[in-house]
N, C-alpha and C. Protein backbone atom coordinates (compact mmCIF):
# COMPACT_ATOMS: atom_id res chain seq x y z
N MET A 1 102.98 100.05 106.06
CA MET A 1 101.82 100.48 105.50
C MET A 1 101.92 100.52 103.97
N TRP A 2 100.91 100.05 103.26
CA TRP A 2 100.91 100.09 101.81
C TRP A 2 99.86 101.12 101.36
N VAL A 3 100.19 102.00 100.41
CA VAL A 3 99.38 102.94 99.97
C VAL A 3 99.29 102.90 98.43
N GLY A 4 98.09 102.81 97.87
CA GLY A 4 97.92 102.72 96.45
C GLY A 4 97.95 104.11 95.81
N ASP A 5 98.77 104.15 94.80
CA ASP A 5 98.89 105.43 93.96
C ASP A 5 98.32 105.05 92.62
N ARG A 6 97.03 105.42 92.44
CA ARG A 6 96.36 105.06 91.09
C ARG A 6 96.91 105.68 89.99
N ALA A 7 97.24 106.99 90.02
CA ALA A 7 97.72 107.70 88.87
C ALA A 7 99.16 107.16 88.51
N ALA A 8 99.98 106.80 89.42
CA ALA A 8 101.35 106.39 89.10
C ALA A 8 101.47 104.82 88.93
N ASN A 9 100.29 104.07 89.22
CA ASN A 9 100.31 102.65 89.03
C ASN A 9 101.39 101.92 89.92
N ARG A 10 101.30 102.41 91.22
CA ARG A 10 102.32 101.80 92.08
C ARG A 10 101.71 101.68 93.52
N ILE A 11 102.43 100.93 94.37
CA ILE A 11 102.11 100.84 95.77
C ILE A 11 103.33 101.42 96.47
N VAL A 12 102.99 102.43 97.38
CA VAL A 12 104.05 103.06 98.13
C VAL A 12 104.13 102.34 99.53
N VAL A 13 105.30 101.87 99.92
CA VAL A 13 105.49 101.13 101.17
C VAL A 13 106.08 102.17 102.15
N VAL A 14 105.41 102.40 103.32
CA VAL A 14 105.84 103.34 104.32
C VAL A 14 106.15 102.66 105.61
N ASP A 15 107.30 102.90 106.19
CA ASP A 15 107.64 102.42 107.52
C ASP A 15 107.04 103.40 108.44
N THR A 16 106.00 102.99 109.16
CA THR A 16 105.26 103.91 110.03
C THR A 16 106.02 104.26 111.30
N GLN A 17 106.98 103.44 111.67
CA GLN A 17 107.81 103.76 112.89
C GLN A 17 108.79 104.82 112.60
N GLN A 18 109.31 104.76 111.37
CA GLN A 18 110.38 105.77 111.02
C GLN A 18 109.74 106.90 110.11
N ASP A 19 108.39 106.75 109.79
CA ASP A 19 107.78 107.79 108.95
C ASP A 19 108.48 108.07 107.65
N THR A 20 108.94 106.91 106.94
CA THR A 20 109.61 107.09 105.69
C THR A 20 109.10 106.17 104.62
N VAL A 21 109.27 106.52 103.47
CA VAL A 21 108.97 105.60 102.32
C VAL A 21 110.18 104.66 102.20
N VAL A 22 109.85 103.33 102.18
CA VAL A 22 110.98 102.36 102.15
C VAL A 22 111.00 101.66 100.77
N GLU A 23 109.88 101.78 100.06
CA GLU A 23 109.81 100.95 98.71
C GLU A 23 108.71 101.61 97.99
N GLU A 24 108.80 101.51 96.60
CA GLU A 24 107.66 101.76 95.69
C GLU A 24 107.56 100.52 94.79
N ILE A 25 106.39 99.89 94.77
CA ILE A 25 106.23 98.64 94.05
C ILE A 25 105.48 99.09 92.74
N ALA A 26 106.20 98.96 91.64
CA ALA A 26 105.62 99.27 90.32
C ALA A 26 104.68 98.14 89.83
N LEU A 27 103.51 98.37 89.44
CA LEU A 27 102.64 97.37 89.15
C LEU A 27 102.46 97.09 87.60
N PRO A 28 102.82 98.09 86.67
CA PRO A 28 102.64 97.82 85.26
C PRO A 28 103.55 96.68 84.80
N GLY A 29 103.06 95.87 83.83
CA GLY A 29 103.86 94.81 83.38
C GLY A 29 102.99 93.91 82.38
N ALA A 30 103.36 92.67 82.27
CA ALA A 30 102.64 91.84 81.33
C ALA A 30 101.17 91.74 81.64
N LEU A 31 100.73 91.72 82.85
CA LEU A 31 99.32 91.57 83.24
C LEU A 31 98.54 92.75 82.92
N SER A 32 99.15 93.95 83.08
CA SER A 32 98.40 95.24 82.86
C SER A 32 99.40 96.34 82.72
N GLN A 33 99.25 97.22 81.79
CA GLN A 33 100.03 98.44 81.67
C GLN A 33 99.62 99.54 82.44
N ASP A 34 98.34 99.49 82.85
CA ASP A 34 97.72 100.57 83.61
C ASP A 34 96.69 100.06 84.64
N PRO A 35 97.17 99.41 85.64
CA PRO A 35 96.29 98.75 86.58
C PRO A 35 95.44 99.72 87.59
N ALA A 36 95.96 100.92 87.85
CA ALA A 36 95.30 101.84 88.69
C ALA A 36 94.80 101.21 90.00
N PRO A 37 95.76 100.97 90.92
CA PRO A 37 95.38 100.27 92.19
C PRO A 37 94.58 101.16 93.11
N ASP A 38 93.65 100.57 93.80
CA ASP A 38 92.71 101.27 94.54
C ASP A 38 92.75 100.67 96.01
N LEU A 39 91.66 100.33 96.56
CA LEU A 39 91.58 99.80 97.90
C LEU A 39 92.14 98.43 98.00
N MET A 40 92.69 98.13 99.15
CA MET A 40 93.46 96.85 99.31
C MET A 40 93.07 96.13 100.70
N ASP A 41 93.28 94.79 100.74
CA ASP A 41 93.23 94.13 101.98
C ASP A 41 94.29 92.98 101.95
N VAL A 42 94.65 92.60 103.13
CA VAL A 42 95.70 91.61 103.20
C VAL A 42 95.09 90.23 103.52
N SER A 43 95.80 89.13 103.05
CA SER A 43 95.30 87.79 103.35
C SER A 43 95.56 87.47 104.84
N PRO A 44 94.81 86.53 105.37
CA PRO A 44 95.05 86.24 106.79
C PRO A 44 96.48 85.88 107.22
N ASP A 45 97.17 85.20 106.29
CA ASP A 45 98.52 84.82 106.54
C ASP A 45 99.58 85.90 106.26
N GLY A 46 99.08 86.95 105.61
CA GLY A 46 100.02 88.09 105.27
C GLY A 46 100.88 87.89 104.06
N SER A 47 100.68 86.76 103.33
CA SER A 47 101.47 86.46 102.16
C SER A 47 101.06 87.14 100.90
N ARG A 48 99.79 87.73 100.83
CA ARG A 48 99.29 88.29 99.63
C ARG A 48 98.42 89.52 100.01
N VAL A 49 98.44 90.52 99.08
CA VAL A 49 97.53 91.63 99.29
C VAL A 49 96.66 91.63 98.04
N PHE A 50 95.34 91.73 98.23
CA PHE A 50 94.33 91.81 97.22
C PHE A 50 93.95 93.27 96.95
N VAL A 51 93.97 93.70 95.67
CA VAL A 51 93.90 95.12 95.27
C VAL A 51 92.77 95.28 94.27
N ALA A 52 91.83 96.11 94.53
CA ALA A 52 90.82 96.46 93.54
C ALA A 52 91.43 97.40 92.55
N LEU A 53 91.24 97.07 91.15
CA LEU A 53 91.77 97.91 90.15
C LEU A 53 90.66 98.61 89.39
N ARG A 54 90.90 99.87 89.20
CA ARG A 54 89.88 100.78 88.52
C ARG A 54 89.80 100.51 87.16
N GLY A 55 88.63 100.90 86.48
CA GLY A 55 88.37 100.66 85.09
C GLY A 55 88.49 101.89 84.23
N GLN A 56 88.10 101.75 83.01
CA GLN A 56 88.22 102.86 82.06
C GLN A 56 87.22 103.96 82.29
N SER A 57 86.12 103.68 82.97
CA SER A 57 85.06 104.70 83.24
C SER A 57 84.82 104.78 84.76
N PRO A 58 85.75 105.39 85.46
CA PRO A 58 85.53 105.44 86.97
C PRO A 58 84.34 106.15 87.36
N LEU A 59 83.58 105.57 88.28
CA LEU A 59 82.30 106.18 88.70
C LEU A 59 82.58 107.22 89.69
N THR A 60 83.69 107.21 90.45
CA THR A 60 83.93 108.21 91.52
C THR A 60 85.42 108.51 91.50
N ALA A 61 85.70 109.62 92.19
CA ALA A 61 87.09 110.03 92.56
C ALA A 61 88.00 110.28 91.39
N ASN A 62 87.53 110.58 90.22
CA ASN A 62 88.41 110.92 89.13
C ASN A 62 88.43 112.46 88.81
N ALA A 63 89.60 113.00 88.76
CA ALA A 63 89.80 114.38 88.31
C ALA A 63 89.98 114.33 86.80
N ALA A 64 89.01 114.80 86.11
CA ALA A 64 89.04 114.63 84.68
C ALA A 64 90.32 115.23 84.00
N ALA A 65 90.82 116.30 84.53
CA ALA A 65 91.99 116.83 83.93
C ALA A 65 93.25 115.99 84.06
N ALA A 66 93.26 115.15 85.13
CA ALA A 66 94.39 114.24 85.26
C ALA A 66 94.16 112.80 85.05
N ASN A 67 92.82 112.39 85.03
CA ASN A 67 92.45 110.99 84.89
C ASN A 67 93.10 110.12 85.92
N ASN A 68 93.18 110.63 87.18
CA ASN A 68 93.86 109.91 88.25
C ASN A 68 93.27 108.65 88.68
N ALA A 69 92.00 108.28 88.30
CA ALA A 69 91.37 107.16 88.71
C ALA A 69 91.08 106.16 87.53
N VAL A 70 91.57 106.49 86.42
CA VAL A 70 91.34 105.66 85.17
C VAL A 70 92.32 104.62 85.13
N GLY A 71 91.95 103.36 84.87
CA GLY A 71 92.79 102.21 84.66
C GLY A 71 92.30 101.44 83.48
N SER A 72 93.11 100.48 83.00
CA SER A 72 92.86 99.81 81.76
C SER A 72 92.27 98.34 82.08
N THR A 73 92.33 97.92 83.32
CA THR A 73 92.03 96.53 83.59
C THR A 73 91.21 96.43 84.89
N PRO A 74 89.93 96.78 84.83
CA PRO A 74 89.18 96.65 85.98
C PRO A 74 89.09 95.20 86.53
N GLY A 75 89.30 95.01 87.78
CA GLY A 75 89.23 93.73 88.39
C GLY A 75 89.94 93.72 89.75
N LEU A 76 90.60 92.54 90.06
CA LEU A 76 91.24 92.29 91.30
C LEU A 76 92.64 91.80 91.00
N ALA A 77 93.59 92.47 91.69
CA ALA A 77 95.01 92.07 91.50
C ALA A 77 95.42 91.36 92.77
N VAL A 78 96.31 90.39 92.61
CA VAL A 78 96.87 89.59 93.74
C VAL A 78 98.40 89.95 93.78
N VAL A 79 98.90 90.55 94.79
CA VAL A 79 100.24 90.89 94.96
C VAL A 79 100.86 90.03 95.99
N ARG A 80 101.98 89.35 95.67
CA ARG A 80 102.70 88.56 96.64
C ARG A 80 103.56 89.41 97.46
N VAL A 81 103.45 89.27 98.75
CA VAL A 81 104.26 90.11 99.74
C VAL A 81 105.57 89.49 99.93
N GLY A 82 106.65 90.31 99.94
CA GLY A 82 107.99 89.83 100.28
C GLY A 82 108.68 90.69 101.28
N GLU A 83 109.74 90.18 101.81
CA GLU A 83 110.53 90.89 102.86
C GLU A 83 109.78 91.54 103.95
N ASN A 84 108.87 90.73 104.61
CA ASN A 84 108.13 91.22 105.74
C ASN A 84 107.32 92.44 105.39
N GLY A 85 106.75 92.48 104.22
CA GLY A 85 105.91 93.64 103.70
C GLY A 85 106.61 94.76 103.18
N ARG A 86 107.95 94.69 103.00
CA ARG A 86 108.68 95.76 102.37
C ARG A 86 108.69 95.74 100.90
N THR A 87 108.38 94.61 100.26
CA THR A 87 108.35 94.46 98.80
C THR A 87 107.06 93.71 98.42
N GLY A 88 106.83 93.67 97.12
CA GLY A 88 105.77 92.93 96.58
C GLY A 88 105.88 92.75 95.08
N ARG A 89 105.15 91.86 94.52
CA ARG A 89 105.18 91.55 93.14
C ARG A 89 103.77 91.14 92.62
N LEU A 90 103.28 91.83 91.53
CA LEU A 90 102.02 91.49 91.02
C LEU A 90 102.01 90.08 90.51
N GLU A 91 101.16 89.22 91.08
CA GLU A 91 101.26 87.86 90.78
C GLU A 91 100.16 87.39 89.85
N ALA A 92 99.03 88.02 89.94
CA ALA A 92 97.74 87.57 89.22
C ALA A 92 96.82 88.72 89.05
N LEU A 93 96.01 88.71 88.03
CA LEU A 93 94.96 89.63 87.83
C LEU A 93 93.66 88.97 87.35
N LEU A 94 92.66 89.19 88.11
CA LEU A 94 91.36 88.70 87.67
C LEU A 94 90.49 89.79 87.18
N ARG A 95 90.26 89.72 85.90
CA ARG A 95 89.52 90.88 85.24
C ARG A 95 87.99 90.78 85.52
N MET A 96 87.38 91.91 85.57
CA MET A 96 85.90 91.98 85.58
C MET A 96 85.43 92.76 84.43
N THR A 97 84.14 92.47 84.05
CA THR A 97 83.64 93.28 82.96
C THR A 97 82.18 93.67 83.24
N ARG A 98 81.76 94.77 82.69
CA ARG A 98 80.37 95.21 82.78
C ARG A 98 80.13 96.04 81.59
N MET A 99 79.70 95.46 80.43
CA MET A 99 79.52 96.14 79.19
C MET A 99 78.10 96.85 79.22
N VAL A 100 78.15 98.08 78.93
CA VAL A 100 76.84 98.87 78.81
C VAL A 100 76.90 99.63 77.47
N ASP A 101 76.01 99.34 76.65
CA ASP A 101 75.93 99.94 75.35
C ASP A 101 77.21 99.94 74.58
N GLY A 102 77.96 98.79 74.61
CA GLY A 102 79.22 98.61 73.94
C GLY A 102 80.43 99.19 74.64
N ALA A 103 80.25 99.76 75.87
CA ALA A 103 81.36 100.39 76.50
C ALA A 103 81.60 99.68 77.82
N GLU A 104 82.88 99.50 78.18
CA GLU A 104 83.32 98.88 79.51
C GLU A 104 83.01 99.86 80.64
N LYS A 105 82.19 99.41 81.55
CA LYS A 105 81.79 100.23 82.68
C LYS A 105 82.13 99.65 84.03
N ALA A 106 82.82 98.51 84.06
CA ALA A 106 83.25 97.89 85.35
C ALA A 106 84.23 98.83 86.08
N ASP A 107 84.00 99.02 87.38
CA ASP A 107 84.85 99.90 88.10
C ASP A 107 84.82 99.47 89.59
N PRO A 108 85.52 98.36 89.92
CA PRO A 108 85.57 97.90 91.30
C PRO A 108 86.17 99.07 92.15
N HIS A 109 85.61 99.24 93.32
CA HIS A 109 86.11 100.39 94.17
C HIS A 109 86.05 100.00 95.63
N GLY A 110 86.45 98.73 95.88
CA GLY A 110 86.53 98.29 97.18
C GLY A 110 86.68 96.83 97.26
N LEU A 111 87.05 96.17 98.37
CA LEU A 111 87.07 94.79 98.61
C LEU A 111 87.30 94.52 100.08
N ARG A 112 87.03 93.27 100.48
CA ARG A 112 87.38 92.85 101.84
C ARG A 112 87.65 91.40 101.86
N VAL A 113 88.74 90.97 102.50
CA VAL A 113 89.04 89.57 102.60
C VAL A 113 88.37 89.06 103.91
N ARG A 114 87.64 87.96 103.70
CA ARG A 114 86.85 87.49 104.84
C ARG A 114 87.42 86.08 105.21
N VAL A 115 87.61 85.90 106.55
CA VAL A 115 88.05 84.58 106.97
C VAL A 115 86.81 83.79 107.37
N ARG A 116 86.78 82.54 106.96
CA ARG A 116 85.68 81.73 107.42
C ARG A 116 86.02 80.83 108.50
């Protein structure tokens, strides 16, 4: 099971049979220093996970004292899955924007992979 930790900018990998954390995938790097991962969905073949990334002005779920839902790059991240789901690597980032009165307001907060 993969769990997004927005505040820490990581994905926590849990072995649900053993009920233990087996890995933590750090997402900050060249593509984004503050991606704030949110909701995720896996590709049909299991090779990638698509992750909604929060923006600078989160519309929901932000505790102002901690800014736990604030990110710097609103959009969609593509994470390549490795070792049967135990590891991953941020492979691509597709940014979105929604400028309102000169301020970035994009805040994707969900996604779904659809098979045609």
